[in-house]
Each structure stands twice: as structure tokens, then as C-alpha cells.
Amino acid sequence: MSNDRAKFLADWQKALGDKDALLSDPEGYAGELTLRAKRAREQSIISNDDLSESLGWVNAAYEWALEELLSRELGQ
């Protein structure tokens, strides 16, 4: 599990940092990241703790994207 876990978490973290994807469709991209994490848990690639932490990061990224878009809108 550790090699698969490490690969998943590295790939997932990279995807989480894709600001362009987050800003172009915050809800859709956050949903995609959520599904990836849940599938990894269902396949026993990550633990329940990993899933919980991953979902927390998705929520934070989603909130960041919304705030960034609002800030850009108000700045124009």
C-alpha cells in the first residue's frame, strides 16, 4: 500500500495545486478531486485519515478559488 499511497498522494497534491483548473471551475474541479480521493479510499490506497485530510484540503482549495474569483471581480 505504501508505494501506491505515496504515488496517489503526490499526484493528488499536484492536482490540488492546479490553480488554473480551480479558477476555471471551482465546484467541478473540487468535485473531481473529492471523487479521486474517495475512490482511492475505496480501493484501500489511502487510509481514512488520508481521506479526511484530503477532503479538508479540497475544501480549502475550493474556498480559496471562490475568494480569488470574487477578489478579481471586485478589483475590476
PDB file of N, CA and C in Angstrom:
ATOM      1  N   MET A   1       0.823  -1.203   0.000  1.00  0.00           N
ATOM      2  CA  MET A   1       0.000   0.000   0.000  1.00  0.00           C
ATOM      3  C   MET A   1       0.861   1.259   0.000  1.00  0.00           C
ATOM      4  N   SER A   2       2.034   1.233   0.544  1.00  0.00           N
ATOM      5  CA  SER A   2       2.792   2.473   0.707  1.00  0.00           C
ATOM      6  C   SER A   2       3.251   3.083  -0.612  1.00  0.00           C
ATOM      7  N   ASN A   3       3.677   2.268  -1.595  1.00  0.00           N
ATOM      8  CA  ASN A   3       4.073   2.836  -2.884  1.00  0.00           C
ATOM      9  C   ASN A   3       2.882   3.435  -3.615  1.00  0.00           C
ATOM     10  N   ASP A   4       1.772   2.714  -3.625  1.00  0.00           N
ATOM     11  CA  ASP A   4       0.561   3.233  -4.255  1.00  0.00           C
ATOM     12  C   ASP A   4       0.075   4.480  -3.527  1.00  0.00           C
ATOM     13  N   ARG A   5       0.155   4.449  -2.219  1.00  0.00           N
ATOM     14  CA  ARG A   5      -0.271   5.589  -1.408  1.00  0.00           C
ATOM     15  C   ARG A   5       0.584   6.809  -1.711  1.00  0.00           C
ATOM     16  N   ALA A   6       1.892   6.611  -1.726  1.00  0.00           N
ATOM     17  CA  ALA A   6       2.801   7.727  -1.980  1.00  0.00           C
ATOM     18  C   ALA A   6       2.570   8.312  -3.368  1.00  0.00           C
ATOM     19  N   LYS A   7       2.373   7.450  -4.363  1.00  0.00           N
ATOM     20  CA  LYS A   7       2.130   7.926  -5.730  1.00  0.00           C
ATOM     21  C   LYS A   7       0.810   8.678  -5.803  1.00  0.00           C
ATOM     22  N   PHE A   8      -0.227   8.099  -5.205  1.00  0.00           N
ATOM     23  CA  PHE A   8      -1.527   8.776  -5.228  1.00  0.00           C
ATOM     24  C   PHE A   8      -1.428  10.148  -4.578  1.00  0.00           C
ATOM     25  N   LEU A   9      -0.836  10.205  -3.382  1.00  0.00           N
ATOM     26  CA  LEU A   9      -0.770  11.478  -2.656  1.00  0.00           C
ATOM     27  C   LEU A   9       0.058  12.515  -3.409  1.00  0.00           C
ATOM     28  N   ALA A  10       1.141  12.083  -4.054  1.00  0.00           N
ATOM     29  CA  ALA A  10       1.956  13.022  -4.835  1.00  0.00           C
ATOM     30  C   ALA A  10       1.167  13.547  -6.041  1.00  0.00           C
ATOM     31  N   ASP A  11       0.506  12.636  -6.745  1.00  0.00           N
ATOM     32  CA  ASP A  11      -0.296  13.040  -7.905  1.00  0.00           C
ATOM     33  C   ASP A  11      -1.470  13.915  -7.489  1.00  0.00           C
ATOM     34  N   TRP A  12      -2.097  13.545  -6.387  1.00  0.00           N
ATOM     35  CA  TRP A  12      -3.262  14.283  -5.913  1.00  0.00           C
ATOM     36  C   TRP A  12      -2.864  15.682  -5.460  1.00  0.00           C
ATOM     37  N   GLN A  13      -1.717  15.776  -4.775  1.00  0.00           N
ATOM     38  CA  GLN A  13      -1.234  17.077  -4.312  1.00  0.00           C
ATOM     39  C   GLN A  13      -0.921  17.989  -5.498  1.00  0.00           C
ATOM     40  N   LYS A  14      -0.356  17.407  -6.545  1.00  0.00           N
ATOM     41  CA  LYS A  14      -0.078  18.176  -7.760  1.00  0.00           C
ATOM     42  C   LYS A  14      -1.384  18.676  -8.371  1.00  0.00           C
ATOM     43  N   ALA A  15      -2.380  17.801  -8.440  1.00  0.00           N
ATOM     44  CA  ALA A  15      -3.680  18.187  -8.981  1.00  0.00           C
ATOM     45  C   ALA A  15      -4.329  19.269  -8.124  1.00  0.00           C
ATOM     46  N   LEU A  16      -4.185  19.151  -6.825  1.00  0.00           N
ATOM     47  CA  LEU A  16      -4.751  20.137  -5.910  1.00  0.00           C
ATOM     48  C   LEU A  16      -4.142  21.517  -6.142  1.00  0.00           C
ATOM     49  N   GLY A  17      -2.894  21.567  -6.551  1.00  0.00           N
ATOM     50  CA  GLY A  17      -2.212  22.835  -6.788  1.00  0.00           C
ATOM     51  C   GLY A  17      -2.464  23.445  -8.152  1.00  0.00           C
ATOM     52  N   ASP A  18      -3.322  22.830  -8.951  1.00  0.00           N
ATOM     53  CA  ASP A  18      -3.623  23.348 -10.286  1.00  0.00           C
ATOM     54  C   ASP A  18      -4.587  24.526 -10.163  1.00  0.00           C
ATOM     55  N   LYS A  19      -4.013  25.698  -9.988  1.00  0.00           N
ATOM     56  CA  LYS A  19      -4.830  26.897  -9.769  1.00  0.00           C
ATOM     57  C   LYS A  19      -5.693  27.239 -10.967  1.00  0.00           C
ATOM     58  N   ASP A  20      -5.186  27.003 -12.179  1.00  0.00           N
ATOM     59  CA  ASP A  20      -5.983  27.300 -13.370  1.00  0.00           C
ATOM     60  C   ASP A  20      -7.260  26.475 -13.402  1.00  0.00           C
ATOM     61  N   ALA A  21      -7.139  25.192 -13.088  1.00  0.00           N
ATOM     62  CA  ALA A  21      -8.319  24.319 -13.072  1.00  0.00           C
ATOM     63  C   ALA A  21      -9.288  24.742 -11.972  1.00  0.00           C
ATOM     64  N   LEU A  22      -8.758  25.080 -10.813  1.00  0.00           N
ATOM     65  CA  LEU A  22      -9.614  25.522  -9.711  1.00  0.00           C
ATOM     66  C   LEU A  22     -10.351  26.805 -10.060  1.00  0.00           C
ATOM     67  N   LEU A  23      -9.651  27.734 -10.699  1.00  0.00           N
ATOM     68  CA  LEU A  23     -10.277  29.018 -11.013  1.00  0.00           C
ATOM     69  C   LEU A  23     -11.244  28.925 -12.190  1.00  0.00           C
ATOM     70  N   SER A  24     -11.014  27.999 -13.096  1.00  0.00           N
ATOM     71  CA  SER A  24     -11.908  27.901 -14.246  1.00  0.00           C
ATOM     72  C   SER A  24     -13.235  27.230 -13.886  1.00  0.00           C
ATOM     73  N   ASP A  25     -13.219  26.342 -12.900  1.00  0.00           N
ATOM     74  CA  ASP A  25     -14.447  25.656 -12.482  1.00  0.00           C
ATOM     75  C   ASP A  25     -14.280  25.161 -11.042  1.00  0.00           C
ATOM     76  N   PRO A  26     -14.369  26.067 -10.069  1.00  0.00           N
ATOM     77  CA  PRO A  26     -14.109  25.667  -8.681  1.00  0.00           C
ATOM     78  C   PRO A  26     -14.945  24.480  -8.201  1.00  0.00           C
ATOM     79  N   GLU A  27     -16.226  24.523  -8.461  1.00  0.00           N
ATOM     80  CA  GLU A  27     -17.102  23.459  -7.975  1.00  0.00           C
ATOM     81  C   GLU A  27     -16.822  22.138  -8.681  1.00  0.00           C
ATOM     82  N   GLY A  28     -16.697  22.203  -9.988  1.00  0.00           N
ATOM     83  CA  GLY A  28     -16.445  20.989 -10.760  1.00  0.00           C
ATOM     84  C   GLY A  28     -15.108  20.349 -10.432  1.00  0.00           C
ATOM     85  N   TYR A  29     -14.074  21.172 -10.335  1.00  0.00           N
ATOM     86  CA  TYR A  29     -12.746  20.629 -10.070  1.00  0.00           C
ATOM     87  C   TYR A  29     -12.648  20.109  -8.637  1.00  0.00           C
ATOM     88  N   ALA A  30     -13.243  20.804  -7.702  1.00  0.00           N
ATOM     89  CA  ALA A  30     -13.260  20.313  -6.319  1.00  0.00           C
ATOM     90  C   ALA A  30     -14.007  18.980  -6.247  1.00  0.00           C
ATOM     91  N   GLY A  31     -15.080  18.871  -7.011  1.00  0.00           N
ATOM     92  CA  GLY A  31     -15.822  17.612  -7.058  1.00  0.00           C
ATOM     93  C   GLY A  31     -14.981  16.485  -7.633  1.00  0.00           C
ATOM     94  N   GLU A  32     -14.212  16.793  -8.662  1.00  0.00           N
ATOM     95  CA  GLU A  32     -13.329  15.789  -9.267  1.00  0.00           C
ATOM     96  C   GLU A  32     -12.270  15.324  -8.268  1.00  0.00           C
ATOM     97  N   LEU A  33     -11.671  16.274  -7.557  1.00  0.00           N
ATOM     98  CA  LEU A  33     -10.668  15.915  -6.553  1.00  0.00           C
ATOM     99  C   LEU A  33     -11.274  15.082  -5.427  1.00  0.00           C
ATOM    100  N   THR A  34     -12.474  15.431  -5.029  1.00  0.00           N
ATOM    101  CA  THR A  34     -13.167  14.676  -3.990  1.00  0.00           C
ATOM    102  C   THR A  34     -13.400  13.234  -4.440  1.00  0.00           C
ATOM    103  N   LEU A  35     -13.862  13.072  -5.671  1.00  0.00           N
ATOM    104  CA  LEU A  35     -14.094  11.720  -6.187  1.00  0.00           C
ATOM    105  C   LEU A  35     -12.811  10.917  -6.257  1.00  0.00           C
ATOM    106  N   ARG A  36     -11.714  11.550  -6.683  1.00  0.00           N
ATOM    107  CA  ARG A  36     -10.422  10.848  -6.741  1.00  0.00           C
ATOM    108  C   ARG A  36     -10.033  10.330  -5.358  1.00  0.00           C
ATOM    109  N   ALA A  37     -10.175  11.175  -4.365  1.00  0.00           N
ATOM    110  CA  ALA A  37      -9.797  10.780  -3.007  1.00  0.00           C
ATOM    111  C   ALA A  37     -10.703   9.660  -2.496  1.00  0.00           C
ATOM    112  N   LYS A  38     -11.986   9.770  -2.747  1.00  0.00           N
ATOM    113  CA  LYS A  38     -12.913   8.734  -2.280  1.00  0.00           C
ATOM    114  C   LYS A  38     -12.661   7.405  -2.975  1.00  0.00           C
ATOM    115  N   ARG A  39     -12.352   7.449  -4.268  1.00  0.00           N
ATOM    116  CA  ARG A  39     -12.033   6.208  -4.986  1.00  0.00           C
ATOM    117  C   ARG A  39     -10.762   5.567  -4.427  1.00  0.00           C
ATOM    118  N   ALA A  40      -9.777   6.400  -4.136  1.00  0.00           N
ATOM    119  CA  ALA A  40      -8.529   5.872  -3.574  1.00  0.00           C
ATOM    120  C   ALA A  40      -8.793   5.197  -2.236  1.00  0.00           C
ATOM    121  N   ARG A  41      -9.681   5.760  -1.454  1.00  0.00           N
ATOM    122  CA  ARG A  41     -10.031   5.137  -0.169  1.00  0.00           C
ATOM    123  C   ARG A  41     -10.775   3.831  -0.391  1.00  0.00           C
ATOM    124  N   GLU A  42     -11.713   3.829  -1.326  1.00  0.00           N
ATOM    125  CA  GLU A  42     -12.478   2.610  -1.619  1.00  0.00           C
ATOM    126  C   GLU A  42     -11.568   1.477  -2.089  1.00  0.00           C
ATOM    127  N   GLN A  43     -10.483   1.851  -2.763  1.00  0.00           N
ATOM    128  CA  GLN A  43      -9.530   0.850  -3.265  1.00  0.00           C
ATOM    129  C   GLN A  43      -8.429   0.554  -2.243  1.00  0.00           C
ATOM    130  N   SER A  44      -8.561   1.086  -1.041  1.00  0.00           N
ATOM    131  CA  SER A  44      -7.603   0.902   0.053  1.00  0.00           C
ATOM    132  C   SER A  44      -6.210   1.419  -0.277  1.00  0.00           C
ATOM    133  N   ILE A  45      -6.146   2.424  -1.146  1.00  0.00           N
ATOM    134  CA  ILE A  45      -4.866   3.047  -1.471  1.00  0.00           C
ATOM    135  C   ILE A  45      -4.468   4.021  -0.362  1.00  0.00           C
ATOM    136  N   ILE A  46      -5.465   4.708   0.174  1.00  0.00           N
ATOM    137  CA  ILE A  46      -5.225   5.646   1.266  1.00  0.00           C
ATOM    138  C   ILE A  46      -6.082   5.239   2.471  1.00  0.00           C
ATOM    139  N   SER A  47      -5.710   5.753   3.621  1.00  0.00           N
ATOM    140  CA  SER A  47      -6.433   5.449   4.860  1.00  0.00           C
ATOM    141  C   SER A  47      -7.603   6.418   5.059  1.00  0.00           C
ATOM    142  N   ASN A  48      -8.395   6.141   6.057  1.00  0.00           N
ATOM    143  CA  ASN A  48      -9.477   7.064   6.421  1.00  0.00           C
ATOM    144  C   ASN A  48      -8.924   8.424   6.820  1.00  0.00           C
ATOM    145  N   ASP A  49      -7.796   8.414   7.532  1.00  0.00           N
ATOM    146  CA  ASP A  49      -7.165   9.678   7.921  1.00  0.00           C
ATOM    147  C   ASP A  49      -6.698  10.459   6.697  1.00  0.00           C
ATOM    148  N   ASP A  50      -6.104   9.745   5.726  1.00  0.00           N
ATOM    149  CA  ASP A  50      -5.684  10.397   4.486  1.00  0.00           C
ATOM    150  C   ASP A  50      -6.891  11.010   3.765  1.00  0.00           C
ATOM    151  N   LEU A  51      -7.982  10.257   3.729  1.00  0.00           N
ATOM    152  CA  LEU A  51      -9.182  10.757   3.070  1.00  0.00           C
ATOM    153  C   LEU A  51      -9.695  12.012   3.759  1.00  0.00           C
ATOM    154  N   SER A  52      -9.770  11.970   5.065  1.00  0.00           N
ATOM    155  CA  SER A  52     -10.250  13.127   5.815  1.00  0.00           C
ATOM    156  C   SER A  52      -9.381  14.351   5.555  1.00  0.00           C
ATOM    157  N   GLU A  53      -8.076  14.158   5.585  1.00  0.00           N
ATOM    158  CA  GLU A  53      -7.158  15.269   5.331  1.00  0.00           C
ATOM    159  C   GLU A  53      -7.287  15.772   3.894  1.00  0.00           C
ATOM    160  N   SER A  54      -7.418  14.847   2.962  1.00  0.00           N
ATOM    161  CA  SER A  54      -7.561  15.229   1.552  1.00  0.00           C
ATOM    162  C   SER A  54      -8.823  16.051   1.330  1.00  0.00           C
ATOM    163  N   LEU A  55      -9.914  15.635   1.934  1.00  0.00           N
ATOM    164  CA  LEU A  55     -11.166  16.369   1.773  1.00  0.00           C
ATOM    165  C   LEU A  55     -11.079  17.751   2.403  1.00  0.00           C
ATOM    166  N   GLY A  56     -10.356  17.857   3.494  1.00  0.00           N
ATOM    167  CA  GLY A  56     -10.128  19.174   4.097  1.00  0.00           C
ATOM    168  C   GLY A  56      -9.354  20.095   3.156  1.00  0.00           C
ATOM    169  N   TRP A  57      -8.342  19.550   2.494  1.00  0.00           N
ATOM    170  CA  TRP A  57      -7.568  20.345   1.542  1.00  0.00           C
ATOM    171  C   TRP A  57      -8.408  20.740   0.336  1.00  0.00           C
ATOM    172  N   VAL A  58      -9.278  19.841  -0.126  1.00  0.00           N
ATOM    173  CA  VAL A  58     -10.167  20.181  -1.243  1.00  0.00           C
ATOM    174  C   VAL A  58     -11.063  21.346  -0.850  1.00  0.00           C
ATOM    175  N   ASN A  59     -11.615  21.285   0.343  1.00  0.00           N
ATOM    176  CA  ASN A  59     -12.485  22.360   0.818  1.00  0.00           C
ATOM    177  C   ASN A  59     -11.734  23.683   0.874  1.00  0.00           C
ATOM    178  N   ALA A  60     -10.511  23.645   1.382  1.00  0.00           N
ATOM    179  CA  ALA A  60      -9.701  24.868   1.462  1.00  0.00           C
ATOM    180  C   ALA A  60      -9.391  25.413   0.071  1.00  0.00           C
ATOM    181  N   ALA A  61      -9.076  24.536  -0.865  1.00  0.00           N
ATOM    182  CA  ALA A  61      -8.768  24.967  -2.235  1.00  0.00           C
ATOM    183  C   ALA A  61     -10.005  25.575  -2.893  1.00  0.00           C
ATOM    184  N   TYR A  62     -11.144  24.966  -2.664  1.00  0.00           N
ATOM    185  CA  TYR A  62     -12.402  25.478  -3.212  1.00  0.00           C
ATOM    186  C   TYR A  62     -12.705  26.871  -2.653  1.00  0.00           C
ATOM    187  N   GLU A  63     -12.565  27.027  -1.354  1.00  0.00           N
ATOM    188  CA  GLU A  63     -12.809  28.329  -0.738  1.00  0.00           C
ATOM    189  C   GLU A  63     -11.823  29.378  -1.248  1.00  0.00           C
ATOM    190  N   TRP A  64     -10.559  28.979  -1.414  1.00  0.00           N
ATOM    191  CA  TRP A  64      -9.558  29.900  -1.966  1.00  0.00           C
ATOM    192  C   TRP A  64      -9.979  30.363  -3.358  1.00  0.00           C
ATOM    193  N   ALA A  65     -10.397  29.420  -4.198  1.00  0.00           N
ATOM    194  CA  ALA A  65     -10.776  29.755  -5.570  1.00  0.00           C
ATOM    195  C   ALA A  65     -11.944  30.737  -5.592  1.00  0.00           C
ATOM    196  N   LEU A  66     -12.945  30.500  -4.750  1.00  0.00           N
ATOM    197  CA  LEU A  66     -14.086  31.412  -4.707  1.00  0.00           C
ATOM    198  C   LEU A  66     -13.669  32.804  -4.259  1.00  0.00           C
ATOM    199  N   GLU A  67     -12.833  32.871  -3.241  1.00  0.00           N
ATOM    200  CA  GLU A  67     -12.354  34.170  -2.756  1.00  0.00           C
ATOM    201  C   GLU A  67     -11.510  34.877  -3.811  1.00  0.00           C
ATOM    202  N   GLU A  68     -10.683  34.130  -4.501  1.00  0.00           N
ATOM    203  CA  GLU A  68      -9.837  34.700  -5.552  1.00  0.00           C
ATOM    204  C   GLU A  68     -10.686  35.260  -6.693  1.00  0.00           C
ATOM    205  N   LEU A  69     -11.689  34.508  -7.106  1.00  0.00           N
ATOM    206  CA  LEU A  69     -12.566  34.974  -8.180  1.00  0.00           C
ATOM    207  C   LEU A  69     -13.339  36.218  -7.756  1.00  0.00           C
ATOM    208  N   LEU A  70     -13.829  36.231  -6.537  1.00  0.00           N
ATOM    209  CA  LEU A  70     -14.549  37.387  -6.028  1.00  0.00           C
ATOM    210  C   LEU A  70     -13.624  38.609  -5.955  1.00  0.00           C
ATOM    211  N   SER A  71     -12.428  38.389  -5.469  1.00  0.00           N
ATOM    212  CA  SER A  71     -11.453  39.462  -5.384  1.00  0.00           C
ATOM    213  C   SER A  71     -11.131  40.040  -6.760  1.00  0.00           C
ATOM    214  N   ARG A  72     -10.979  39.175  -7.728  1.00  0.00           N
ATOM    215  CA  ARG A  72     -10.699  39.634  -9.097  1.00  0.00           C
ATOM    216  C   ARG A  72     -11.886  40.418  -9.660  1.00  0.00           C
ATOM    217  N   GLU A  73     -13.078  39.935  -9.374  1.00  0.00           N
ATOM    218  CA  GLU A  73     -14.283  40.597  -9.862  1.00  0.00           C
ATOM    219  C   GLU A  73     -14.419  41.984  -9.244  1.00  0.00           C
ATOM    220  N   LEU A  74     -14.181  42.077  -7.970  1.00  0.00           N
ATOM    221  CA  LEU A  74     -14.303  43.366  -7.278  1.00  0.00           C
ATOM    222  C   LEU A  74     -13.187  44.320  -7.660  1.00  0.00           C
ATOM    223  N   GLY A  75     -12.048  43.792  -8.044  1.00  0.00           N
ATOM    224  CA  GLY A  75     -10.918  44.610  -8.418  1.00  0.00           C
ATOM    225  C   GLY A  75     -11.041  45.233  -9.801  1.00  0.00           C
ATOM    226  N   GLN A  76     -11.991  44.745 -10.584  1.00  0.00           N
ATOM    227  CA  GLN A  76     -12.124  45.251 -11.963  1.00  0.00           C
ATOM    228  C   GLN A  76     -13.062  46.406 -12.047  1.00  0.00           C
TER     229      GLN A  76
END
